[in-house]
C-alpha atoms as a PDB file:
ATOM      1  CA  MET A   1       0.349  -0.050   0.108  1.00  0.00           C
ATOM      2  CA  VAL A   2       2.754   2.110   0.959  1.00  0.00           C
ATOM      3  CA  LYS A   3       4.699   1.914  -2.856  1.00  0.00           C
ATOM      4  CA  ILE A   4       1.056   2.874  -4.293  1.00  0.00           C
ATOM      5  CA  MET A   5       0.706   5.906  -2.288  1.00  0.00           C
ATOM      6  CA  GLN A   6       4.185   6.621  -3.073  1.00  0.00           C
ATOM      7  CA  TYR A   7       3.642   6.442  -7.068  1.00  0.00           C
ATOM      8  CA  GLU A   8       0.523   8.461  -6.636  1.00  0.00           C
ATOM      9  CA  VAL A   9       2.443  11.451  -5.402  1.00  0.00           C
ATOM     10  CA  LEU A  10       5.238  11.067  -7.638  1.00  0.00           C
ATOM     11  CA  ASN A  11       2.674  10.643 -10.937  1.00  0.00           C
ATOM     12  CA  LYS A  12       0.837  14.128  -8.907  1.00  0.00           C
ATOM     13  CA  LEU A  13       4.937  15.747  -8.892  1.00  0.00           C
ATOM     14  CA  LYS A  14       5.072  14.958 -12.804  1.00  0.00           C
ATOM     15  CA  GLU A  15       1.745  15.746 -13.836  1.00  0.00           C
ATOM     16  CA  GLU A  16       1.883  19.605 -12.510  1.00  0.00           C
ATOM     17  CA  ASP A  17       4.045  22.004 -13.123  1.00  0.00           C
ATOM     18  CA  ASN A  18       8.080  21.719 -13.823  1.00  0.00           C
ATOM     19  CA  LYS A  19       8.226  23.983 -10.678  1.00  0.00           C
ATOM     20  CA  PHE A  20       6.861  21.233  -8.287  1.00  0.00           C
ATOM     21  CA  LEU A  21       9.937  19.062  -9.710  1.00  0.00           C
ATOM     22  CA  LYS A  22      12.370  21.827  -9.600  1.00  0.00           C
ATOM     23  CA  TYR A  23      11.119  22.761  -5.865  1.00  0.00           C
ATOM     24  CA  LEU A  24      11.343  18.851  -4.540  1.00  0.00           C
ATOM     25  CA  ARG A  25      15.457  18.857  -6.185  1.00  0.00           C
ATOM     26  CA  GLN A  26      16.339  22.050  -4.401  1.00  0.00           C
ATOM     27  CA  ASN A  27      14.817  20.958  -0.962  1.00  0.00           C
ATOM     28  CA  SER A  28      15.924  17.382  -1.053  1.00  0.00           C
ATOM     29  CA  ASN A  29      14.288  16.900   2.332  1.00  0.00           C
ATOM     30  CA  TRP A  30      10.753  16.662   0.760  1.00  0.00           C
ATOM     31  CA  TYR A  31      12.082  13.161  -0.956  1.00  0.00           C
ATOM     32  CA  LYS A  32      11.878  11.192   2.492  1.00  0.00           C
ATOM     33  CA  GLU A  33       9.127  13.130   3.912  1.00  0.00           C
ATOM     34  CA  LEU A  34       6.790  12.238   0.662  1.00  0.00           C
ATOM     35  CA  ASN A  35       8.210   8.918   0.900  1.00  0.00           C
ATOM     36  CA  ARG A  36       7.431   8.438   4.567  1.00  0.00           C
ATOM     37  CA  ASN A  37       4.198  10.484   4.455  1.00  0.00           C
ATOM     38  CA  PRO A  38       2.645  10.750   1.522  1.00  0.00           C
ATOM     39  CA  GLU A  39      -0.418  12.743   2.935  1.00  0.00           C
ATOM     40  CA  SER A  40       2.273  15.606   3.136  1.00  0.00           C
ATOM     41  CA  TYR A  41       1.777  16.283  -0.548  1.00  0.00           C
ATOM     42  CA  ASP A  42      -0.285  18.926   0.217  1.00  0.00           C
ATOM     43  CA  LEU A  43       1.899  20.620   2.644  1.00  0.00           C
ATOM     44  CA  PHE A  44       4.729  20.597  -0.051  1.00  0.00           C
ATOM     45  CA  VAL A  45       2.774  22.539  -2.508  1.00  0.00           C
ATOM     46  CA  LYS A  46       1.529  25.142   0.131  1.00  0.00           C
ATOM     47  CA  LYS A  47       5.906  25.481   0.692  1.00  0.00           C
ATOM     48  CA  MET A  48       6.450  25.646  -3.246  1.00  0.00           C
ATOM     49  CA  LYS A  49       4.009  28.043  -3.737  1.00  0.00           C
ATOM     50  CA  GLU A  50       5.542  30.409  -0.888  1.00  0.00           C
ATOM     51  CA  LYS A  51       8.601  30.035  -2.273  1.00  0.00           C
ATOM     52  CA  TYR A  52       7.917  30.878  -5.991  1.00  0.00           C
ATOM     53  CA  LYS A  53       5.166  33.496  -4.651  1.00  0.00           C
ATOM     54  CA  LEU A  54       2.362  31.742  -6.399  1.00  0.00           C
ATOM     55  CA  ARG A  55      -0.065  32.404  -3.758  1.00  0.00           C
ATOM     56  CA  THR A  56      -3.089  34.284  -4.500  1.00  0.00           C
ATOM     57  CA  ILE A  57      -2.099  36.758  -1.980  1.00  0.00           C
ATOM     58  CA  ASP A  58       1.772  37.243  -3.936  1.00  0.00           C
ATOM     59  CA  LYS A  59      -0.254  37.219  -7.010  1.00  0.00           C
ATOM     60  CA  VAL A  60      -2.318  40.773  -5.949  1.00  0.00           C
ATOM     61  CA  ASP A  61       0.936  42.121  -4.673  1.00  0.00           C
ATOM     62  CA  ASN A  62       2.073  41.876  -8.011  1.00  0.00           C
ATOM     63  CA  PHE A  63      -0.626  43.500  -9.390  1.00  0.00           C
ATOM     64  CA  ILE A  64      -0.623  46.345  -7.009  1.00  0.00           C
ATOM     65  CA  ASP A  65       3.057  47.054  -7.756  1.00  0.00           C
ATOM     66  CA  SER A  66       2.686  46.875 -11.267  1.00  0.00           C
ATOM     67  CA  VAL A  67      -0.284  49.332 -10.945  1.00  0.00           C
ATOM     68  CA  ASP A  68       1.608  51.494  -8.584  1.00  0.00           C
ATOM     69  CA  LEU A  69       4.316  51.355 -11.307  1.00  0.00           C
ATOM     70  CA  ILE A  70       1.934  52.539 -14.550  1.00  0.00           C
ATOM     71  CA  THR A  71       0.783  55.180 -12.016  1.00  0.00           C
ATOM     72  CA  LYS A  72       4.239  56.308 -11.358  1.00  0.00           C
ATOM     73  CA  ILE A  73       5.126  56.193 -14.704  1.00  0.00           C
ATOM     74  CA  ILE A  74       1.830  57.923 -15.969  1.00  0.00           C
ATOM     75  CA  SER A  75       2.307  60.648 -13.251  1.00  0.00           C
ATOM     76  CA  ALA A  76       6.091  61.451 -14.087  1.00  0.00           C
ATOM     77  CA  SER A  77       5.406  61.719 -17.987  1.00  0.00           C
ATOM     78  CA  ASN A  78       2.590  64.396 -16.996  1.00  0.00           C
ATOM     79  CA  ASP A  79       5.078  66.274 -15.360  1.00  0.00           C
END
């Protein structure tokens, strides 16, 4: 049963974006964690999204920064 779970985790990683595998390679402690506890996959995804700033709040912050930059450029060009 454990090997089936490991294959399921591996398949999830391969099906997702390459950032999942990249994060896994850069943080090799997750190999052991996911092999021993496949239920920690959700935590792995959460940590990966924090690292690569893929959370919704990160996207909102990036959007606000972009709008702020555009506003400053427009105000500077009007002066």
